[in-house]
């Protein structure tokens, strides 16, 4: 079963890798999920370069908005189905 994991993030790429993704790998959730990481324009290039180098096919870096509330609205809009 494939499911979606959505993570809003800002200036925490190390924590995201060392804690969040590590947890998902240890619990075998990583390989059964599409992971969407929403970041603002200031962080988009850094995250995109980093995760493209990692060659994970199930991690998508999405350009979001500034601020947590705006980021959440962006996530809702992105996944409107």
Protein backbone atom coordinates (compact mmCIF):
# COMPACT_ATOMS: atom_id res chain seq x y z
CA UNK A 1 0.00 0.00 0.00
CA UNK A 2 1.40 3.37 -1.03
CA UNK A 3 0.44 6.48 0.90
CA UNK A 4 1.50 10.12 1.10
CA UNK A 5 3.56 11.78 3.81
CA UNK A 6 3.61 15.58 3.73
CA UNK A 7 6.29 17.53 5.59
CA UNK A 8 6.43 21.33 5.78
CA UNK A 9 10.03 22.36 6.36
CA UNK A 10 12.16 25.48 6.70
CA UNK A 11 15.89 25.66 7.42
CA UNK A 12 16.02 22.16 8.92
CA UNK A 13 17.38 19.86 6.27
CA UNK A 14 19.75 18.11 8.71
CA UNK A 15 17.00 17.43 11.25
CA UNK A 16 14.72 16.24 8.46
CA UNK A 17 17.30 13.69 7.30
CA UNK A 18 18.71 12.63 10.66
CA UNK A 19 15.44 12.30 12.53
CA UNK A 20 12.34 12.30 10.33
CA UNK A 21 13.59 10.27 7.38
CA UNK A 22 15.63 8.03 9.69
CA UNK A 23 12.46 7.25 11.66
CA UNK A 24 10.53 6.51 8.47
CA UNK A 25 13.26 4.14 7.28
CA UNK A 26 13.54 2.33 10.62
CA UNK A 27 9.78 1.78 10.76
CA UNK A 28 9.61 0.64 7.11
CA UNK A 29 7.25 3.48 6.24
CA UNK A 30 9.76 5.17 3.93
CA UNK A 31 9.58 2.57 1.18
CA UNK A 32 5.77 2.46 1.04
CA UNK A 33 5.21 6.20 0.85
CA UNK A 34 5.51 9.14 -1.47
CA UNK A 35 7.10 11.89 0.62
CA UNK A 36 6.30 15.51 -0.23
CA UNK A 37 8.48 18.17 1.39
CA UNK A 38 7.06 21.68 1.11
CA UNK A 39 9.58 24.52 1.42
CA UNK A 40 9.53 28.25 0.76
CA UNK A 41 11.43 29.93 -2.07
CA UNK A 42 14.44 30.70 0.17
CA UNK A 43 15.01 26.99 0.85
CA UNK A 44 13.78 25.41 -2.39
CA UNK A 45 17.11 25.33 -4.24
CA UNK A 46 19.01 23.88 -1.26
CA UNK A 47 16.46 21.12 -0.60
CA UNK A 48 16.03 20.32 -4.27
CA UNK A 49 19.78 19.95 -4.86
CA UNK A 50 20.22 17.84 -1.74
CA UNK A 51 17.40 15.39 -2.45
CA UNK A 52 18.23 15.12 -6.15
CA UNK A 53 21.73 13.96 -5.14
CA UNK A 54 20.20 11.33 -2.85
CA UNK A 55 18.39 9.77 -5.84
CA UNK A 56 15.28 8.83 -3.88
CA UNK A 57 12.44 8.35 -6.32
CA UNK A 58 9.77 8.79 -3.69
CA UNK A 59 10.81 12.21 -2.31
CA UNK A 60 9.38 15.29 -3.95
CA UNK A 61 10.44 18.83 -3.02
CA UNK A 62 7.54 21.21 -3.63
CA UNK A 63 7.74 25.00 -3.71
CA UNK A 64 5.40 26.24 -1.02
CA UNK A 65 4.80 29.58 0.63
CA UNK A 66 6.25 31.68 3.46
CA UNK A 67 4.94 31.06 6.97
CA UNK A 68 3.37 27.97 8.47
CA UNK A 69 -0.27 28.96 7.90
CA UNK A 70 0.39 29.88 4.27
CA UNK A 71 2.38 26.66 3.86
CA UNK A 72 -0.54 24.60 5.16
CA UNK A 73 -2.89 26.35 2.76
CA UNK A 74 -0.47 25.58 -0.06
CA UNK A 75 -0.43 21.91 0.94
CA UNK A 76 -4.24 21.79 0.97
CA UNK A 77 -4.39 23.39 -2.46
CA UNK A 78 -1.75 21.01 -3.84
CA UNK A 79 -3.65 17.91 -2.77
CA UNK A 80 -7.17 19.04 -3.68
CA UNK A 81 -8.62 16.04 -5.46
